[in-house]
């Protein structure tokens, strides 16, 4: 997906599987290139774990993102959508 950044949802979790505190979440998102000035759409392979990213963004103080629930499975299956190799 053009403009996409990779931040696995597991990077938002403590070892006990609870979510990191807001400051730590904010730092992870900033390191991935997220800013409050640009809208964010979360996605994943099937649309499920993208919701964890969205929750983390809100908990970190960013504006509420959109969730692309079709995610990579739908995007990759459509011949007209752009694909970018990184």
PDB file of N, CA and C in Angstrom:
ATOM      1  N   UNK A   1       0.844  -1.168   0.000  1.00  0.00           N
ATOM      2  CA  UNK A   1       0.000   0.000   0.000  1.00  0.00           C
ATOM      3  C   UNK A   1       0.892   1.235   0.000  1.00  0.00           C
ATOM      4  N   UNK A   2       0.768   2.098  -0.963  1.00  0.00           N
ATOM      5  CA  UNK A   2       1.604   3.306  -0.992  1.00  0.00           C
ATOM      6  C   UNK A   2       1.431   4.136   0.283  1.00  0.00           C
ATOM      7  N   UNK A   3       2.539   4.588   0.838  1.00  0.00           N
ATOM      8  CA  UNK A   3       2.507   5.406   2.045  1.00  0.00           C
ATOM      9  C   UNK A   3       2.353   4.631   3.337  1.00  0.00           C
ATOM     10  N   UNK A   4       2.302   3.314   3.249  1.00  0.00           N
ATOM     11  CA  UNK A   4       2.104   2.498   4.449  1.00  0.00           C
ATOM     12  C   UNK A   4       3.378   2.420   5.280  1.00  0.00           C
ATOM     13  N   UNK A   5       3.184   2.282   6.577  1.00  0.00           N
ATOM     14  CA  UNK A   5       4.279   2.025   7.516  1.00  0.00           C
ATOM     15  C   UNK A   5       3.946   0.740   8.253  1.00  0.00           C
ATOM     16  N   UNK A   6       4.963   0.034   8.675  1.00  0.00           N
ATOM     17  CA  UNK A   6       4.760  -1.238   9.366  1.00  0.00           C
ATOM     18  C   UNK A   6       4.990  -1.065  10.859  1.00  0.00           C
ATOM     19  N   UNK A   7       3.961  -1.332  11.638  1.00  0.00           N
ATOM     20  CA  UNK A   7       4.070  -1.351  13.093  1.00  0.00           C
ATOM     21  C   UNK A   7       3.216  -2.519  13.582  1.00  0.00           C
ATOM     22  N   UNK A   8       3.841  -3.665  13.852  1.00  0.00           N
ATOM     23  CA  UNK A   8       3.070  -4.821  14.314  1.00  0.00           C
ATOM     24  C   UNK A   8       2.340  -4.514  15.620  1.00  0.00           C
ATOM     25  N   UNK A   9       1.126  -5.004  15.742  1.00  0.00           N
ATOM     26  CA  UNK A   9       0.355  -4.729  16.956  1.00  0.00           C
ATOM     27  C   UNK A   9       1.065  -5.241  18.200  1.00  0.00           C
ATOM     28  N   UNK A  10       1.869  -6.281  18.066  1.00  0.00           N
ATOM     29  CA  UNK A  10       2.587  -6.823  19.219  1.00  0.00           C
ATOM     30  C   UNK A  10       3.577  -5.820  19.803  1.00  0.00           C
ATOM     31  N   UNK A  11       3.997  -4.836  18.995  1.00  0.00           N
ATOM     32  CA  UNK A  11       4.900  -3.795  19.496  1.00  0.00           C
ATOM     33  C   UNK A  11       4.199  -2.833  20.435  1.00  0.00           C
ATOM     34  N   UNK A  12       2.883  -2.944  20.560  1.00  0.00           N
ATOM     35  CA  UNK A  12       2.116  -2.075  21.448  1.00  0.00           C
ATOM     36  C   UNK A  12       1.792  -2.745  22.776  1.00  0.00           C
ATOM     37  N   UNK A  13       2.293  -3.958  22.961  1.00  0.00           N
ATOM     38  CA  UNK A  13       1.923  -4.744  24.131  1.00  0.00           C
ATOM     39  C   UNK A  13       3.086  -4.987  25.071  1.00  0.00           C
ATOM     40  N   UNK A  14       2.759  -5.035  26.350  1.00  0.00           N
ATOM     41  CA  UNK A  14       3.705  -5.442  27.385  1.00  0.00           C
ATOM     42  C   UNK A  14       3.866  -6.960  27.327  1.00  0.00           C
ATOM     43  N   UNK A  15       4.872  -7.504  28.026  1.00  0.00           N
ATOM     44  CA  UNK A  15       5.043  -8.967  28.038  1.00  0.00           C
ATOM     45  C   UNK A  15       3.809  -9.728  28.526  1.00  0.00           C
ATOM     46  N   UNK A  16       3.009  -9.097  29.406  1.00  0.00           N
ATOM     47  CA  UNK A  16       1.806  -9.775  29.905  1.00  0.00           C
ATOM     48  C   UNK A  16       0.591  -9.568  28.992  1.00  0.00           C
ATOM     49  N   UNK A  17       0.842  -9.027  27.788  1.00  0.00           N
ATOM     50  CA  UNK A  17      -0.175  -8.817  26.759  1.00  0.00           C
ATOM     51  C   UNK A  17      -1.124  -7.650  27.042  1.00  0.00           C
ATOM     52  N   UNK A  18      -0.850  -6.837  28.068  1.00  0.00           N
ATOM     53  CA  UNK A  18      -1.600  -5.607  28.268  1.00  0.00           C
ATOM     54  C   UNK A  18      -0.988  -4.530  27.387  1.00  0.00           C
ATOM     55  N   UNK A  19      -1.742  -3.472  27.125  1.00  0.00           N
ATOM     56  CA  UNK A  19      -1.254  -2.412  26.257  1.00  0.00           C
ATOM     57  C   UNK A  19      -0.271  -1.525  27.008  1.00  0.00           C
ATOM     58  N   UNK A  20       0.749  -1.066  26.279  1.00  0.00           N
ATOM     59  CA  UNK A  20       1.733  -0.142  26.847  1.00  0.00           C
ATOM     60  C   UNK A  20       1.044   1.112  27.362  1.00  0.00           C
ATOM     61  N   UNK A  21       1.740   1.860  28.212  1.00  0.00           N
ATOM     62  CA  UNK A  21       1.180   3.113  28.709  1.00  0.00           C
ATOM     63  C   UNK A  21       1.150   4.143  27.572  1.00  0.00           C
ATOM     64  N   UNK A  22       0.318   5.183  27.697  1.00  0.00           N
ATOM     65  CA  UNK A  22       0.156   6.155  26.606  1.00  0.00           C
ATOM     66  C   UNK A  22       1.462   6.782  26.108  1.00  0.00           C
ATOM     67  N   UNK A  23       2.386   7.107  26.993  1.00  0.00           N
ATOM     68  CA  UNK A  23       3.646   7.725  26.559  1.00  0.00           C
ATOM     69  C   UNK A  23       4.472   6.761  25.709  1.00  0.00           C
ATOM     70  N   UNK A  24       4.527   5.509  26.108  1.00  0.00           N
ATOM     71  CA  UNK A  24       5.278   4.506  25.344  1.00  0.00           C
ATOM     72  C   UNK A  24       4.604   4.252  23.993  1.00  0.00           C
ATOM     73  N   UNK A  25       3.284   4.217  23.978  1.00  0.00           N
ATOM     74  CA  UNK A  25       2.562   4.054  22.717  1.00  0.00           C
ATOM     75  C   UNK A  25       2.853   5.222  21.781  1.00  0.00           C
ATOM     76  N   UNK A  26       2.787   6.421  22.323  1.00  0.00           N
ATOM     77  CA  UNK A  26       3.042   7.619  21.521  1.00  0.00           C
ATOM     78  C   UNK A  26       4.424   7.539  20.883  1.00  0.00           C
ATOM     79  N   UNK A  27       5.411   7.149  21.655  1.00  0.00           N
ATOM     80  CA  UNK A  27       6.781   7.038  21.150  1.00  0.00           C
ATOM     81  C   UNK A  27       6.869   6.008  20.021  1.00  0.00           C
ATOM     82  N   UNK A  28       6.179   4.890  20.149  1.00  0.00           N
ATOM     83  CA  UNK A  28       6.209   3.853  19.102  1.00  0.00           C
ATOM     84  C   UNK A  28       5.586   4.377  17.805  1.00  0.00           C
ATOM     85  N   UNK A  29       4.468   5.082  17.945  1.00  0.00           N
ATOM     86  CA  UNK A  29       3.812   5.609  16.746  1.00  0.00           C
ATOM     87  C   UNK A  29       4.644   6.700  16.082  1.00  0.00           C
ATOM     88  N   UNK A  30       5.230   7.578  16.872  1.00  0.00           N
ATOM     89  CA  UNK A  30       6.082   8.633  16.312  1.00  0.00           C
ATOM     90  C   UNK A  30       7.266   8.003  15.576  1.00  0.00           C
ATOM     91  N   UNK A  31       7.865   6.977  16.163  1.00  0.00           N
ATOM     92  CA  UNK A  31       8.993   6.295  15.523  1.00  0.00           C
ATOM     93  C   UNK A  31       8.579   5.662  14.190  1.00  0.00           C
ATOM     94  N   UNK A  32       7.307   5.298  14.070  1.00  0.00           N
ATOM     95  CA  UNK A  32       6.801   4.703  12.828  1.00  0.00           C
ATOM     96  C   UNK A  32       6.383   5.767  11.812  1.00  0.00           C
ATOM     97  N   UNK A  33       6.479   7.052  12.202  1.00  0.00           N
ATOM     98  CA  UNK A  33       6.169   8.133  11.273  1.00  0.00           C
ATOM     99  C   UNK A  33       4.789   8.747  11.418  1.00  0.00           C
ATOM    100  N   UNK A  34       4.066   8.385  12.465  1.00  0.00           N
ATOM    101  CA  UNK A  34       2.724   8.933  12.673  1.00  0.00           C
ATOM    102  C   UNK A  34       2.828  10.340  13.247  1.00  0.00           C
ATOM    103  N   UNK A  35       2.006  11.239  12.713  1.00  0.00           N
ATOM    104  CA  UNK A  35       1.867  12.586  13.267  1.00  0.00           C
ATOM    105  C   UNK A  35       0.383  12.879  13.420  1.00  0.00           C
ATOM    106  N   UNK A  36       0.056  13.798  14.319  1.00  0.00           N
ATOM    107  CA  UNK A  36      -1.344  14.174  14.531  1.00  0.00           C
ATOM    108  C   UNK A  36      -1.891  14.960  13.354  1.00  0.00           C
ATOM    109  N   UNK A  37      -1.003  15.476  12.501  1.00  0.00           N
ATOM    110  CA  UNK A  37      -1.439  16.319  11.382  1.00  0.00           C
ATOM    111  C   UNK A  37      -1.912  15.524  10.165  1.00  0.00           C
ATOM    112  N   UNK A  38      -1.536  14.272  10.093  1.00  0.00           N
ATOM    113  CA  UNK A  38      -1.912  13.451   8.930  1.00  0.00           C
ATOM    114  C   UNK A  38      -2.898  12.374   9.368  1.00  0.00           C
ATOM    115  N   UNK A  39      -3.977  12.191   8.607  1.00  0.00           N
ATOM    116  CA  UNK A  39      -4.925  11.130   8.972  1.00  0.00           C
ATOM    117  C   UNK A  39      -4.268   9.755   8.867  1.00  0.00           C
ATOM    118  N   UNK A  40      -4.705   8.858   9.701  1.00  0.00           N
ATOM    119  CA  UNK A  40      -4.171   7.497   9.712  1.00  0.00           C
ATOM    120  C   UNK A  40      -5.299   6.519   9.418  1.00  0.00           C
ATOM    121  N   UNK A  41      -4.984   5.517   8.606  1.00  0.00           N
ATOM    122  CA  UNK A  41      -5.875   4.389   8.364  1.00  0.00           C
ATOM    123  C   UNK A  41      -5.098   3.152   8.760  1.00  0.00           C
ATOM    124  N   UNK A  42      -5.607   2.410   9.718  1.00  0.00           N
ATOM    125  CA  UNK A  42      -4.915   1.191  10.132  1.00  0.00           C
ATOM    126  C   UNK A  42      -5.388   0.022   9.274  1.00  0.00           C
ATOM    127  N   UNK A  43      -4.476  -0.914   9.068  1.00  0.00           N
ATOM    128  CA  UNK A  43      -4.809  -2.127   8.324  1.00  0.00           C
ATOM    129  C   UNK A  43      -3.931  -3.259   8.828  1.00  0.00           C
ATOM    130  N   UNK A  44      -4.262  -4.453   8.406  1.00  0.00           N
ATOM    131  CA  UNK A  44      -3.455  -5.625   8.748  1.00  0.00           C
ATOM    132  C   UNK A  44      -3.752  -6.678   7.689  1.00  0.00           C
ATOM    133  N   UNK A  45      -3.515  -7.902   7.976  1.00  0.00           N
ATOM    134  CA  UNK A  45      -3.741  -8.950   6.989  1.00  0.00           C
ATOM    135  C   UNK A  45      -5.200  -9.241   6.735  1.00  0.00           C
ATOM    136  N   UNK A  46      -6.032  -9.165   7.772  1.00  0.00           N
ATOM    137  CA  UNK A  46      -7.441  -9.508   7.622  1.00  0.00           C
ATOM    138  C   UNK A  46      -8.398  -8.477   8.208  1.00  0.00           C
ATOM    139  N   UNK A  47      -7.896  -7.438   8.844  1.00  0.00           N
ATOM    140  CA  UNK A  47      -8.747  -6.393   9.402  1.00  0.00           C
ATOM    141  C   UNK A  47      -8.991  -6.499  10.886  1.00  0.00           C
ATOM    142  N   UNK A  48      -8.510  -7.539  11.534  1.00  0.00           N
ATOM    143  CA  UNK A  48      -8.787  -7.739  12.957  1.00  0.00           C
ATOM    144  C   UNK A  48      -7.781  -6.999  13.832  1.00  0.00           C
ATOM    145  N   UNK A  49      -6.497  -7.238  13.644  1.00  0.00           N
ATOM    146  CA  UNK A  49      -5.507  -6.618  14.528  1.00  0.00           C
ATOM    147  C   UNK A  49      -5.326  -5.129  14.248  1.00  0.00           C
ATOM    148  N   UNK A  50      -5.842  -4.647  13.127  1.00  0.00           N
ATOM    149  CA  UNK A  50      -5.817  -3.204  12.861  1.00  0.00           C
ATOM    150  C   UNK A  50      -6.574  -2.457  13.954  1.00  0.00           C
ATOM    151  N   UNK A  51      -7.561  -3.104  14.552  1.00  0.00           N
ATOM    152  CA  UNK A  51      -8.334  -2.465  15.623  1.00  0.00           C
ATOM    153  C   UNK A  51      -7.475  -2.239  16.862  1.00  0.00           C
ATOM    154  N   UNK A  52      -6.518  -3.105  17.118  1.00  0.00           N
ATOM    155  CA  UNK A  52      -5.602  -2.911  18.244  1.00  0.00           C
ATOM    156  C   UNK A  52      -4.737  -1.682  17.988  1.00  0.00           C
ATOM    157  N   UNK A  53      -4.278  -1.521  16.759  1.00  0.00           N
ATOM    158  CA  UNK A  53      -3.503  -0.328  16.401  1.00  0.00           C
ATOM    159  C   UNK A  53      -4.343   0.934  16.582  1.00  0.00           C
ATOM    160  N   UNK A  54      -5.594   0.890  16.172  1.00  0.00           N
ATOM    161  CA  UNK A  54      -6.473   2.050  16.318  1.00  0.00           C
ATOM    162  C   UNK A  54      -6.684   2.402  17.784  1.00  0.00           C
ATOM    163  N   UNK A  55      -6.905   1.403  18.608  1.00  0.00           N
ATOM    164  CA  UNK A  55      -7.048   1.637  20.045  1.00  0.00           C
ATOM    165  C   UNK A  55      -5.774   2.252  20.609  1.00  0.00           C
ATOM    166  N   UNK A  56      -4.622   1.731  20.207  1.00  0.00           N
ATOM    167  CA  UNK A  56      -3.348   2.275  20.666  1.00  0.00           C
ATOM    168  C   UNK A  56      -3.165   3.723  20.261  1.00  0.00           C
ATOM    169  N   UNK A  57      -3.559   4.070  19.039  1.00  0.00           N
ATOM    170  CA  UNK A  57      -3.445   5.457  18.581  1.00  0.00           C
ATOM    171  C   UNK A  57      -4.274   6.394  19.451  1.00  0.00           C
ATOM    172  N   UNK A  58      -5.498   6.012  19.735  1.00  0.00           N
ATOM    173  CA  UNK A  58      -6.371   6.845  20.558  1.00  0.00           C
ATOM    174  C   UNK A  58      -5.813   6.938  21.975  1.00  0.00           C
ATOM    175  N   UNK A  59      -5.376   5.826  22.516  1.00  0.00           N
ATOM    176  CA  UNK A  59      -4.802   5.809  23.869  1.00  0.00           C
ATOM    177  C   UNK A  59      -3.546   6.679  23.945  1.00  0.00           C
ATOM    178  N   UNK A  60      -2.815   6.770  22.821  1.00  0.00           N
ATOM    179  CA  UNK A  60      -1.589   7.572  22.776  1.00  0.00           C
ATOM    180  C   UNK A  60      -1.873   9.051  22.538  1.00  0.00           C
ATOM    181  N   UNK A  61      -3.132   9.412  22.328  1.00  0.00           N
ATOM    182  CA  UNK A  61      -3.483  10.814  22.162  1.00  0.00           C
ATOM    183  C   UNK A  61      -3.596  11.297  20.730  1.00  0.00           C
ATOM    184  N   UNK A  62      -3.528  10.390  19.769  1.00  0.00           N
ATOM    185  CA  UNK A  62      -3.680  10.770  18.368  1.00  0.00           C
ATOM    186  C   UNK A  62      -5.164  10.826  18.015  1.00  0.00           C
ATOM    187  N   UNK A  63      -5.504  11.549  16.931  1.00  0.00           N
ATOM    188  CA  UNK A  63      -6.904  11.550  16.490  1.00  0.00           C
ATOM    189  C   UNK A  63      -7.357  10.135  16.138  1.00  0.00           C
ATOM    190  N   UNK A  64      -8.648   9.905  16.287  1.00  0.00           N
ATOM    191  CA  UNK A  64      -9.191   8.586  15.996  1.00  0.00           C
ATOM    192  C   UNK A  64      -8.967   8.234  14.528  1.00  0.00           C
ATOM    193  N   UNK A  65      -8.331   7.089  14.258  1.00  0.00           N
ATOM    194  CA  UNK A  65      -8.058   6.691  12.879  1.00  0.00           C
ATOM    195  C   UNK A  65      -9.242   5.942  12.266  1.00  0.00           C
ATOM    196  N   UNK A  66      -9.154   5.750  10.972  1.00  0.00           N
ATOM    197  CA  UNK A  66     -10.083   4.857  10.280  1.00  0.00           C
ATOM    198  C   UNK A  66      -9.462   3.462  10.279  1.00  0.00           C
ATOM    199  N   UNK A  67     -10.291   2.455  10.184  1.00  0.00           N
ATOM    200  CA  UNK A  67      -9.828   1.071  10.068  1.00  0.00           C
ATOM    201  C   UNK A  67     -10.235   0.571   8.684  1.00  0.00           C
ATOM    202  N   UNK A  68      -9.252   0.142   7.911  1.00  0.00           N
ATOM    203  CA  UNK A  68      -9.544  -0.471   6.611  1.00  0.00           C
ATOM    204  C   UNK A  68      -9.791  -1.941   6.877  1.00  0.00           C
ATOM    205  N   UNK A  69     -11.055  -2.303   7.019  1.00  0.00           N
ATOM    206  CA  UNK A  69     -11.377  -3.666   7.431  1.00  0.00           C
ATOM    207  C   UNK A  69     -11.188  -4.708   6.334  1.00  0.00           C
ATOM    208  N   UNK A  70     -11.056  -4.279   5.088  1.00  0.00           N
ATOM    209  CA  UNK A  70     -10.721  -5.225   4.028  1.00  0.00           C
ATOM    210  C   UNK A  70      -9.254  -5.606   4.096  1.00  0.00           C
ATOM    211  N   UNK A  71      -8.458  -4.661   4.538  1.00  0.00           N
ATOM    212  CA  UNK A  71      -7.034  -4.798   4.774  1.00  0.00           C
ATOM    213  C   UNK A  71      -6.277  -5.425   3.611  1.00  0.00           C
ATOM    214  N   UNK A  72      -5.096  -5.954   3.902  1.00  0.00           N
ATOM    215  CA  UNK A  72      -4.203  -6.410   2.849  1.00  0.00           C
ATOM    216  C   UNK A  72      -4.833  -7.495   1.986  1.00  0.00           C
ATOM    217  N   UNK A  73      -5.638  -8.357   2.570  1.00  0.00           N
ATOM    218  CA  UNK A  73      -6.261  -9.427   1.808  1.00  0.00           C
ATOM    219  C   UNK A  73      -7.091  -8.862   0.661  1.00  0.00           C
ATOM    220  N   UNK A  74      -7.898  -7.859   0.938  1.00  0.00           N
ATOM    221  CA  UNK A  74      -8.705  -7.242  -0.111  1.00  0.00           C
ATOM    222  C   UNK A  74      -7.843  -6.418  -1.066  1.00  0.00           C
ATOM    223  N   UNK A  75      -6.959  -5.586  -0.501  1.00  0.00           N
ATOM    224  CA  UNK A  75      -6.111  -4.699  -1.314  1.00  0.00           C
ATOM    225  C   UNK A  75      -5.297  -5.495  -2.332  1.00  0.00           C
ATOM    226  N   UNK A  76      -4.632  -6.533  -1.867  1.00  0.00           N
ATOM    227  CA  UNK A  76      -3.761  -7.323  -2.743  1.00  0.00           C
ATOM    228  C   UNK A  76      -4.545  -8.079  -3.803  1.00  0.00           C
ATOM    229  N   UNK A  77      -5.788  -8.403  -3.515  1.00  0.00           N
ATOM    230  CA  UNK A  77      -6.594  -9.164  -4.451  1.00  0.00           C
ATOM    231  C   UNK A  77      -7.216  -8.335  -5.569  1.00  0.00           C
ATOM    232  N   UNK A  78      -7.068  -7.020  -5.493  1.00  0.00           N
ATOM    233  CA  UNK A  78      -7.652  -6.150  -6.511  1.00  0.00           C
ATOM    234  C   UNK A  78      -6.550  -5.694  -7.471  1.00  0.00           C
ATOM    235  N   UNK A  79      -6.663  -6.001  -8.747  1.00  0.00           N
ATOM    236  CA  UNK A  79      -5.597  -5.665  -9.693  1.00  0.00           C
ATOM    237  C   UNK A  79      -5.393  -4.155  -9.874  1.00  0.00           C
ATOM    238  N   UNK A  80      -6.400  -3.331  -9.594  1.00  0.00           N
ATOM    239  CA  UNK A  80      -6.269  -1.890  -9.820  1.00  0.00           C
ATOM    240  C   UNK A  80      -5.627  -1.131  -8.657  1.00  0.00           C
ATOM    241  N   UNK A  81      -5.414  -1.781  -7.525  1.00  0.00           N
ATOM    242  CA  UNK A  81      -4.805  -1.091  -6.397  1.00  0.00           C
ATOM    243  C   UNK A  81      -3.276  -1.125  -6.508  1.00  0.00           C
ATOM    244  N   UNK A  82      -2.650  -0.020  -6.117  1.00  0.00           N
ATOM    245  CA  UNK A  82      -1.195   0.087  -6.209  1.00  0.00           C
ATOM    246  C   UNK A  82      -0.523  -0.771  -5.139  1.00  0.00           C
ATOM    247  N   UNK A  83       0.546  -1.420  -5.542  1.00  0.00           N
ATOM    248  CA  UNK A  83       1.381  -2.174  -4.621  1.00  0.00           C
ATOM    249  C   UNK A  83       2.783  -1.615  -4.687  1.00  0.00           C
ATOM    250  N   UNK A  84       3.406  -1.441  -3.531  1.00  0.00           N
ATOM    251  CA  UNK A  84       4.761  -0.882  -3.456  1.00  0.00           C
ATOM    252  C   UNK A  84       5.621  -1.873  -2.681  1.00  0.00           C
ATOM    253  N   UNK A  85       6.767  -2.201  -3.229  1.00  0.00           N
ATOM    254  CA  UNK A  85       7.706  -3.083  -2.540  1.00  0.00           C
ATOM    255  C   UNK A  85       8.691  -2.223  -1.760  1.00  0.00           C
ATOM    256  N   UNK A  86       8.918  -2.572  -0.509  1.00  0.00           N
ATOM    257  CA  UNK A  86       9.882  -1.803   0.282  1.00  0.00           C
ATOM    258  C   UNK A  86      11.114  -2.617   0.585  1.00  0.00           C
TER     259      UNK A  86
END
